[in-house]
Amino acid sequence: MGGLIMEKLTNIEELANIDTSRVNTLNFKILHRNWKRAFAEAFVLMTTASPGEVISIYGPSRTGKTSLLTELTKVICGNNQSNDDEQPLVMIEIDNSGGKAAFSFKSFLQEMLNLIKHPIYSYSIDGNWSDPVKVTRNARTTEAVLARALVEGLLQRKTKFWIVDEAQDMKYAGKDAMAAAGVMDAIKTLAKKANVILVICGTYPILQSINRSGHLENRKHDVHLARYRTSEKDLSEFLWILSNYDAALELDPTLGSLQNCAELLYQGSFGCIGLIRAWLYRASVHAAIDGRKITLAHIHQSMKSLKQLVTSANEIKEGEKLLALEPCKIVQSIIGGAQPLTKKKSSAIPFQRKPKRYEPGNRL
């Protein structure tokens, strides 16, 4: 028992020696080319589109879509995004917190009614605690009634923009491939009735849902927040971004600059800036634990495994395929490298000896 206590105390002392101030979360904005272009496109569309139209913002994971939405709300609505009577912009994040970890359209409607502070169907008390009586009553209310109340509420609040973030989670609406498309169609119809501009934002899987709905596909305007591919211009911008992280990190002299391992960083991030930031943050953590500056070994130690990378690679492959973009060799190599080698099946039947033929006249 005493030995365990001493070991625990030793571990605590070791933790106290870690200088966490050396860990850099890299939580700052880099206004890189693709982000600025997507921001400008989204801004112009949102300020010129007609009520009832749809703007679709998409791209691979960790490219800055949510931060783009946050900045858009500041620019379009300023600091006064809402008051007690008017809410020019309402933003909701889709989740799959319904029964059995599924997306629930009814829960979505209830959350929207709470966001617009509906006088009857809002379930919060002073914006903090949930009123159990209202929650129970709303659970008994039909989707049709809640949907009608939402349209009326958006009109009363004089809402101009309805933003739906993380829309890819609509895929959890059901096993049927058309379930997510049906949800998007329903939201689009509500937006049209409420006379608002609908902004749908998410990763590439939202394209599959939208493409299954001709009604929605033909009425949307696209904003693609793309990753950096392997063209000369893209790689040049990618190196410029790495130079920004160079200035913020404590790099060991043996590493010198992140540009010295740019190929490795690209292969492990596919040119997605959010993935680079998270990766370098993990490297900073490992370096702080070791009491050193960041080395190439820390970069390797923090890199995701091949099987972890293949999830992002598949998402990028399918999304860029829908956009008719040329396949990326690095993405293809990651997917190919993660596939197990299949052994060629033997034609022989188990436990059965292959018959041996003897020459005529020499049989025993």
Protein backbone atom coordinates (compact mmCIF):
# COMPACT_ATOMS: atom_id res chain seq x y z
CA MET A 1 0.00 0.00 0.00
CA GLY A 2 2.80 2.38 0.97
CA GLY A 3 4.58 1.63 -2.30
CA LEU A 4 1.50 2.61 -4.32
CA ILE A 5 1.20 5.89 -2.42
CA MET A 6 4.88 6.70 -3.01
CA GLU A 7 4.52 5.87 -6.70
CA LYS A 8 1.49 8.15 -6.93
CA LEU A 9 3.35 10.97 -5.19
CA THR A 10 6.27 10.52 -7.58
CA ASN A 11 3.92 10.77 -10.57
CA ILE A 12 2.41 13.96 -9.15
CA GLU A 13 5.89 15.45 -8.76
CA GLU A 14 6.70 14.52 -12.36
CA LEU A 15 3.51 16.19 -13.57
CA ALA A 16 4.38 19.33 -11.61
CA ASN A 17 7.66 19.51 -13.52
CA ILE A 18 5.88 19.74 -16.89
CA ASP A 19 5.87 23.33 -18.13
CA THR A 20 2.40 23.54 -19.71
CA SER A 21 3.03 27.16 -20.68
CA ARG A 22 5.16 25.77 -23.51
CA VAL A 23 2.13 24.05 -25.04
CA ASN A 24 0.77 26.08 -27.93
CA THR A 25 -2.86 25.44 -28.93
CA LEU A 26 -2.32 27.51 -32.11
CA ASN A 27 -5.74 28.98 -31.50
CA PHE A 28 -5.39 31.88 -33.90
CA LYS A 29 -6.78 32.61 -37.34
CA ILE A 30 -4.69 32.37 -40.48
CA LEU A 31 -6.49 34.18 -43.27
CA HIS A 32 -5.35 31.83 -46.01
CA ARG A 33 -6.47 31.91 -49.63
CA ASN A 34 -9.18 29.21 -49.66
CA TRP A 35 -10.80 30.51 -46.46
CA LYS A 36 -10.86 34.12 -47.71
CA ARG A 37 -12.35 33.06 -51.04
CA ALA A 38 -15.10 30.99 -49.42
CA PHE A 39 -15.82 33.78 -46.94
CA ALA A 40 -16.20 36.33 -49.74
CA GLU A 41 -18.48 34.03 -51.76
CA ALA A 42 -20.69 33.27 -48.75
CA PHE A 43 -20.90 36.95 -47.79
CA VAL A 44 -21.93 38.09 -51.26
CA LEU A 45 -24.49 35.28 -51.60
CA MET A 46 -26.03 35.91 -48.18
CA THR A 47 -26.35 39.65 -48.79
CA THR A 48 -27.79 39.33 -52.31
CA ALA A 49 -29.86 36.11 -52.30
CA SER A 50 -33.64 36.26 -52.16
CA PRO A 51 -35.68 34.86 -49.26
CA GLY A 52 -36.43 31.18 -49.80
CA GLU A 53 -33.11 30.48 -51.54
CA VAL A 54 -30.54 28.00 -50.21
CA ILE A 55 -26.78 28.45 -49.76
CA SER A 56 -24.73 25.30 -49.25
CA ILE A 57 -21.29 25.60 -47.62
CA TYR A 58 -19.29 22.39 -47.63
CA GLY A 59 -15.79 20.93 -47.58
CA PRO A 60 -13.73 18.25 -45.86
CA SER A 61 -13.47 18.07 -42.07
CA ARG A 62 -11.32 20.64 -40.29
CA THR A 63 -11.10 23.30 -43.00
CA GLY A 64 -12.66 26.14 -40.97
CA LYS A 65 -16.36 26.01 -41.92
CA THR A 66 -17.71 26.74 -38.43
CA SER A 67 -15.27 29.62 -37.87
CA LEU A 68 -16.35 30.95 -41.26
CA LEU A 69 -19.99 30.94 -40.11
CA THR A 70 -19.04 32.68 -36.87
CA GLU A 71 -17.26 35.47 -38.74
CA LEU A 72 -20.15 35.79 -41.20
CA THR A 73 -22.64 36.35 -38.39
CA LYS A 74 -20.42 39.10 -36.95
CA VAL A 75 -20.04 40.88 -40.29
CA ILE A 76 -23.66 40.58 -41.40
CA CYS A 77 -25.42 41.18 -38.08
CA GLY A 78 -22.77 43.00 -36.06
CA ASN A 79 -22.59 42.58 -32.30
CA ASN A 80 -26.36 42.95 -31.86
CA GLN A 81 -27.42 39.67 -33.41
CA SER A 82 -30.72 39.56 -31.54
CA ASN A 83 -32.91 41.25 -28.97
CA ASP A 84 -36.13 40.37 -27.22
CA ASP A 85 -38.26 41.06 -30.30
CA GLU A 86 -36.08 40.45 -33.37
CA GLN A 87 -33.57 37.78 -34.35
CA PRO A 88 -32.22 38.53 -37.83
CA LEU A 89 -30.04 35.40 -37.74
CA VAL A 90 -30.61 32.03 -36.09
CA MET A 91 -27.92 29.32 -36.14
CA ILE A 92 -28.43 25.74 -34.99
CA GLU A 93 -26.01 22.82 -34.89
CA ILE A 94 -27.41 19.45 -35.96
CA ASP A 95 -26.84 16.54 -33.61
CA ASN A 96 -27.90 12.92 -33.33
CA SER A 97 -29.01 13.05 -29.70
CA GLY A 98 -32.38 11.48 -30.39
CA GLY A 99 -33.39 7.99 -29.36
CA LYS A 100 -30.75 5.33 -30.14
CA ALA A 101 -28.30 8.07 -31.18
CA ALA A 102 -30.44 8.99 -34.19
CA PHE A 103 -31.32 12.37 -35.65
CA SER A 104 -34.81 13.40 -34.53
CA PHE A 105 -36.69 15.95 -36.63
CA LYS A 106 -39.01 16.63 -33.72
CA SER A 107 -36.09 17.38 -31.39
CA PHE A 108 -34.69 19.63 -34.11
CA LEU A 109 -37.94 21.61 -34.23
CA GLN A 110 -38.04 21.87 -30.43
CA GLU A 111 -34.47 23.17 -30.34
CA MET A 112 -35.25 25.77 -33.00
CA LEU A 113 -38.32 26.95 -31.08
CA ASN A 114 -36.17 27.32 -28.00
CA LEU A 115 -33.54 29.31 -29.92
CA ILE A 116 -36.10 31.82 -31.17
CA LYS A 117 -37.61 32.02 -27.65
CA HIS A 118 -41.09 31.00 -28.73
CA PRO A 119 -43.60 32.23 -26.10
CA ILE A 120 -45.32 28.83 -25.86
CA TYR A 121 -42.91 26.14 -27.06
CA SER A 122 -39.62 27.46 -25.69
CA TYR A 123 -38.64 25.12 -22.86
CA SER A 124 -35.88 27.17 -21.16
CA ILE A 125 -36.26 29.23 -18.00
CA ASP A 126 -34.31 32.48 -18.38
CA GLY A 127 -32.18 30.77 -21.03
CA ASN A 128 -30.53 28.47 -18.50
CA TRP A 129 -32.64 25.68 -17.01
CA SER A 130 -35.23 23.54 -18.76
CA ASP A 131 -38.82 23.71 -17.57
CA PRO A 132 -39.89 20.05 -17.08
CA VAL A 133 -43.56 20.94 -17.54
CA LYS A 134 -42.89 22.55 -20.93
CA VAL A 135 -40.58 19.72 -21.96
CA THR A 136 -43.31 17.16 -21.22
CA ARG A 137 -45.93 19.21 -23.06
CA ASN A 138 -43.71 19.65 -26.12
CA ALA A 139 -43.04 15.91 -26.22
CA ARG A 140 -46.79 15.35 -26.64
CA THR A 141 -47.12 17.97 -29.37
CA THR A 142 -47.12 16.72 -32.96
CA GLU A 143 -44.38 17.61 -35.45
CA ALA A 144 -46.92 19.38 -37.66
CA VAL A 145 -47.92 21.74 -34.85
CA LEU A 146 -44.27 22.41 -33.92
CA ALA A 147 -43.36 23.07 -37.56
CA ARG A 148 -46.21 25.55 -37.95
CA ALA A 149 -45.18 27.28 -34.72
CA LEU A 150 -41.58 27.53 -35.98
CA VAL A 151 -42.63 29.21 -39.23
CA GLU A 152 -44.79 31.68 -37.31
CA GLY A 153 -41.96 32.31 -34.85
CA LEU A 154 -39.38 33.01 -37.57
CA LEU A 155 -41.78 35.47 -39.19
CA GLN A 156 -42.49 37.20 -35.88
CA ARG A 157 -38.78 37.46 -35.06
CA LYS A 158 -38.15 38.93 -38.53
CA THR A 159 -35.45 36.35 -39.15
CA LYS A 160 -33.54 36.80 -42.41
CA PHE A 161 -30.95 34.01 -42.16
CA TRP A 162 -31.41 30.48 -40.88
CA ILE A 163 -28.07 28.66 -40.58
CA VAL A 164 -27.91 24.88 -40.10
CA ASP A 165 -24.40 23.75 -39.15
CA GLU A 166 -22.99 20.18 -39.01
CA ALA A 167 -25.72 19.17 -41.46
CA GLN A 168 -23.93 15.90 -42.30
CA ASP A 169 -25.39 14.45 -39.08
CA MET A 170 -28.78 14.33 -40.81
CA LYS A 171 -27.55 11.01 -42.20
CA TYR A 172 -28.54 9.54 -38.83
CA ALA A 173 -32.20 10.26 -39.60
CA GLY A 174 -32.70 6.65 -40.72
CA LYS A 175 -31.22 3.65 -42.47
CA ASP A 176 -32.89 4.63 -45.73
CA ALA A 177 -30.54 6.62 -47.97
CA MET A 178 -33.40 9.03 -48.73
CA ALA A 179 -34.06 9.85 -45.05
CA ALA A 180 -31.51 12.69 -44.87
CA ALA A 181 -32.71 14.09 -48.20
CA GLY A 182 -36.26 14.09 -46.84
CA VAL A 183 -35.17 16.04 -43.76
CA MET A 184 -33.36 18.62 -45.90
CA ASP A 185 -36.41 18.99 -48.14
CA ALA A 186 -38.59 19.55 -45.08
CA ILE A 187 -36.24 22.21 -43.68
CA LYS A 188 -36.07 23.91 -47.07
CA THR A 189 -39.88 24.03 -47.22
CA LEU A 190 -40.08 25.57 -43.74
CA ALA A 191 -37.46 28.17 -44.70
CA LYS A 192 -39.44 29.12 -47.79
CA LYS A 193 -42.65 29.50 -45.77
CA ALA A 194 -40.80 31.62 -43.21
CA ASN A 195 -39.34 33.78 -45.98
CA VAL A 196 -35.73 33.29 -44.83
CA ILE A 197 -32.45 32.50 -46.57
CA LEU A 198 -31.40 28.98 -45.59
CA VAL A 199 -27.67 28.26 -45.14
CA ILE A 200 -26.74 24.57 -44.90
CA CYS A 201 -23.17 23.88 -43.77
CA GLY A 202 -21.35 20.59 -43.33
CA THR A 203 -18.80 18.12 -44.60
CA TYR A 204 -18.95 16.37 -47.97
CA PRO A 205 -21.65 13.81 -46.98
CA ILE A 206 -24.26 16.59 -47.22
CA LEU A 207 -23.69 16.56 -50.99
CA GLN A 208 -24.98 12.99 -51.19
CA SER A 209 -28.17 13.97 -49.37
CA ILE A 210 -28.68 17.12 -51.44
CA ASN A 211 -28.03 15.29 -54.72
CA ARG A 212 -30.87 12.89 -53.93
CA SER A 213 -33.27 15.82 -53.86
CA GLY A 214 -33.72 17.50 -57.22
CA HIS A 215 -35.98 20.06 -55.54
CA LEU A 216 -33.09 21.19 -53.33
CA GLU A 217 -30.19 20.63 -55.75
CA ASN A 218 -31.69 22.97 -58.35
CA ARG A 219 -32.33 25.75 -55.84
CA LYS A 220 -29.03 25.99 -53.98
CA HIS A 221 -25.89 28.06 -54.41
CA ASP A 222 -22.58 26.35 -53.62
CA VAL A 223 -19.65 27.58 -51.54
CA HIS A 224 -16.78 25.09 -51.48
CA LEU A 225 -14.26 25.56 -48.67
CA ALA A 226 -11.67 23.28 -50.21
CA ARG A 227 -8.51 21.72 -48.88
CA TYR A 228 -5.16 22.48 -50.52
CA ARG A 229 -4.44 19.99 -53.28
CA THR A 230 -1.13 19.20 -54.98
CA SER A 231 -1.04 21.93 -57.63
CA GLU A 232 1.90 24.34 -57.57
CA LYS A 233 -0.30 27.23 -56.36
CA ASP A 234 -1.90 25.15 -53.61
CA LEU A 235 1.40 23.79 -52.32
CA SER A 236 2.87 27.30 -52.29
CA GLU A 237 -0.01 28.50 -50.11
CA PHE A 238 0.36 25.42 -47.90
CA LEU A 239 4.03 26.27 -47.29
CA TRP A 240 3.07 29.86 -46.46
CA ILE A 241 0.63 28.57 -43.83
CA LEU A 242 3.36 26.40 -42.32
CA SER A 243 5.58 29.48 -42.05
CA ASN A 244 2.87 31.12 -39.91
CA TYR A 245 2.95 28.16 -37.53
CA ASP A 246 6.77 28.29 -37.58
CA ALA A 247 6.66 31.70 -35.95
CA ALA A 248 4.32 30.51 -33.17
CA LEU A 249 6.04 27.24 -32.18
CA GLU A 250 9.26 26.44 -30.35
CA LEU A 251 11.07 24.27 -32.89
CA ASP A 252 14.25 22.38 -32.14
CA PRO A 253 17.29 23.48 -34.20
CA THR A 254 17.51 19.94 -35.59
CA LEU A 255 14.10 20.49 -37.19
CA GLY A 256 14.69 24.10 -38.13
CA SER A 257 11.45 24.78 -39.95
CA LEU A 258 8.17 23.00 -40.59
CA GLN A 259 8.87 23.40 -44.28
CA ASN A 260 11.63 20.81 -43.84
CA CYS A 261 8.95 18.20 -43.15
CA ALA A 262 6.25 19.74 -45.35
CA GLU A 263 5.75 16.54 -47.36
CA LEU A 264 5.08 14.53 -44.19
CA LEU A 265 2.70 17.20 -42.86
CA TYR A 266 0.80 17.23 -46.13
CA GLN A 267 0.47 13.45 -46.27
CA GLY A 268 -0.94 13.36 -42.75
CA SER A 269 -3.39 16.23 -43.25
CA PHE A 270 -4.35 16.06 -46.96
CA GLY A 271 -3.96 19.85 -47.04
CA CYS A 272 -6.69 20.46 -44.41
CA ILE A 273 -5.50 23.33 -42.21
CA GLY A 274 -7.51 22.29 -39.15
CA LEU A 275 -5.84 18.87 -39.20
CA ILE A 276 -2.41 20.53 -39.36
CA ARG A 277 -3.24 22.76 -36.39
CA ALA A 278 -4.46 19.83 -34.26
CA TRP A 279 -1.41 17.76 -35.24
CA LEU A 280 1.09 20.47 -34.30
CA TYR A 281 -0.77 21.07 -31.04
CA ARG A 282 -0.30 17.40 -30.13
CA ALA A 283 3.39 17.66 -31.05
CA SER A 284 3.64 20.68 -28.74
CA VAL A 285 2.10 18.60 -25.93
CA HIS A 286 4.63 15.77 -26.40
CA ALA A 287 7.51 18.25 -26.48
CA ALA A 288 6.33 19.89 -23.23
CA ILE A 289 6.16 16.49 -21.52
CA ASP A 290 9.72 15.74 -22.65
CA GLY A 291 10.87 19.21 -21.59
CA ARG A 292 12.20 19.93 -25.07
CA LYS A 293 11.45 21.97 -28.15
CA ILE A 294 9.52 20.29 -30.96
CA THR A 295 11.61 17.80 -32.93
CA LEU A 296 10.87 15.69 -35.99
CA ALA A 297 10.38 12.75 -33.61
CA HIS A 298 7.55 14.65 -31.90
CA ILE A 299 5.96 15.28 -35.31
CA HIS A 300 6.08 11.57 -36.10
CA GLN A 301 4.84 10.64 -32.63
CA SER A 302 1.80 12.91 -33.01
CA MET A 303 0.82 11.74 -36.49
CA LYS A 304 -2.39 9.76 -36.79
CA SER A 305 -2.11 6.12 -37.75
CA LEU A 306 -2.86 4.89 -41.25
CA LYS A 307 -6.18 3.39 -40.17
CA GLN A 308 -7.18 6.69 -38.53
CA LEU A 309 -6.30 8.66 -41.65
CA VAL A 310 -8.28 6.41 -43.96
CA THR A 311 -11.60 7.73 -42.58
CA SER A 312 -10.77 11.28 -43.67
CA ALA A 313 -9.30 9.99 -46.93
CA ASN A 314 -12.51 8.14 -47.84
CA GLU A 315 -14.63 11.20 -47.05
CA ILE A 316 -12.43 13.39 -49.25
CA LYS A 317 -12.39 10.84 -52.06
CA GLU A 318 -16.18 10.49 -52.18
CA GLY A 319 -16.80 14.23 -51.83
CA GLU A 320 -14.37 15.27 -54.54
CA LYS A 321 -15.74 12.51 -56.77
CA LEU A 322 -19.20 14.11 -56.53
CA LEU A 323 -17.63 17.43 -57.48
CA ALA A 324 -15.92 15.79 -60.48
CA LEU A 325 -12.45 16.73 -59.21
CA GLU A 326 -9.41 14.77 -60.32
CA PRO A 327 -8.54 11.95 -57.90
CA CYS A 328 -5.69 12.74 -55.52
CA LYS A 329 -2.78 10.27 -55.53
CA ILE A 330 -1.97 10.85 -51.85
CA VAL A 331 -5.58 10.18 -50.80
CA GLN A 332 -5.65 7.07 -52.99
CA SER A 333 -2.38 5.80 -51.52
CA ILE A 334 -3.65 6.18 -47.94
CA ILE A 335 -6.82 4.25 -48.76
CA GLY A 336 -4.87 1.58 -50.64
CA GLY A 337 -2.30 1.24 -47.88
CA ALA A 338 -5.00 0.60 -45.26
CA GLN A 339 -6.68 -2.22 -47.16
CA PRO A 340 -5.63 -5.67 -45.93
CA LEU A 341 -3.96 -7.98 -48.42
CA THR A 342 -6.28 -10.78 -49.48
CA LYS A 343 -4.81 -14.26 -49.67
CA LYS A 344 -5.50 -16.29 -52.76
CA LYS A 345 -7.75 -19.18 -51.90
CA SER A 346 -6.45 -22.64 -52.57
CA SER A 347 -8.41 -24.74 -55.03
CA ALA A 348 -7.77 -27.88 -53.00
CA ILE A 349 -10.51 -29.35 -50.83
CA PRO A 350 -9.48 -29.51 -47.15
CA PHE A 351 -8.59 -32.93 -45.69
CA GLN A 352 -8.71 -34.59 -49.12
CA ARG A 353 -5.48 -35.95 -50.57
CA LYS A 354 -4.76 -35.01 -54.15
CA PRO A 355 -4.96 -38.29 -56.14
CA LYS A 356 -1.64 -39.58 -57.50
CA ARG A 357 -1.55 -41.11 -60.95
CA TYR A 358 0.86 -43.96 -61.75
CA GLU A 359 2.24 -44.87 -65.13
CA PRO A 360 0.50 -47.86 -66.80
CA GLY A 361 2.18 -51.13 -66.00
CA ASN A 362 3.93 -49.86 -62.93
CA ARG A 363 1.07 -50.19 -60.49
CA LEU A 364 1.81 -52.11 -57.30
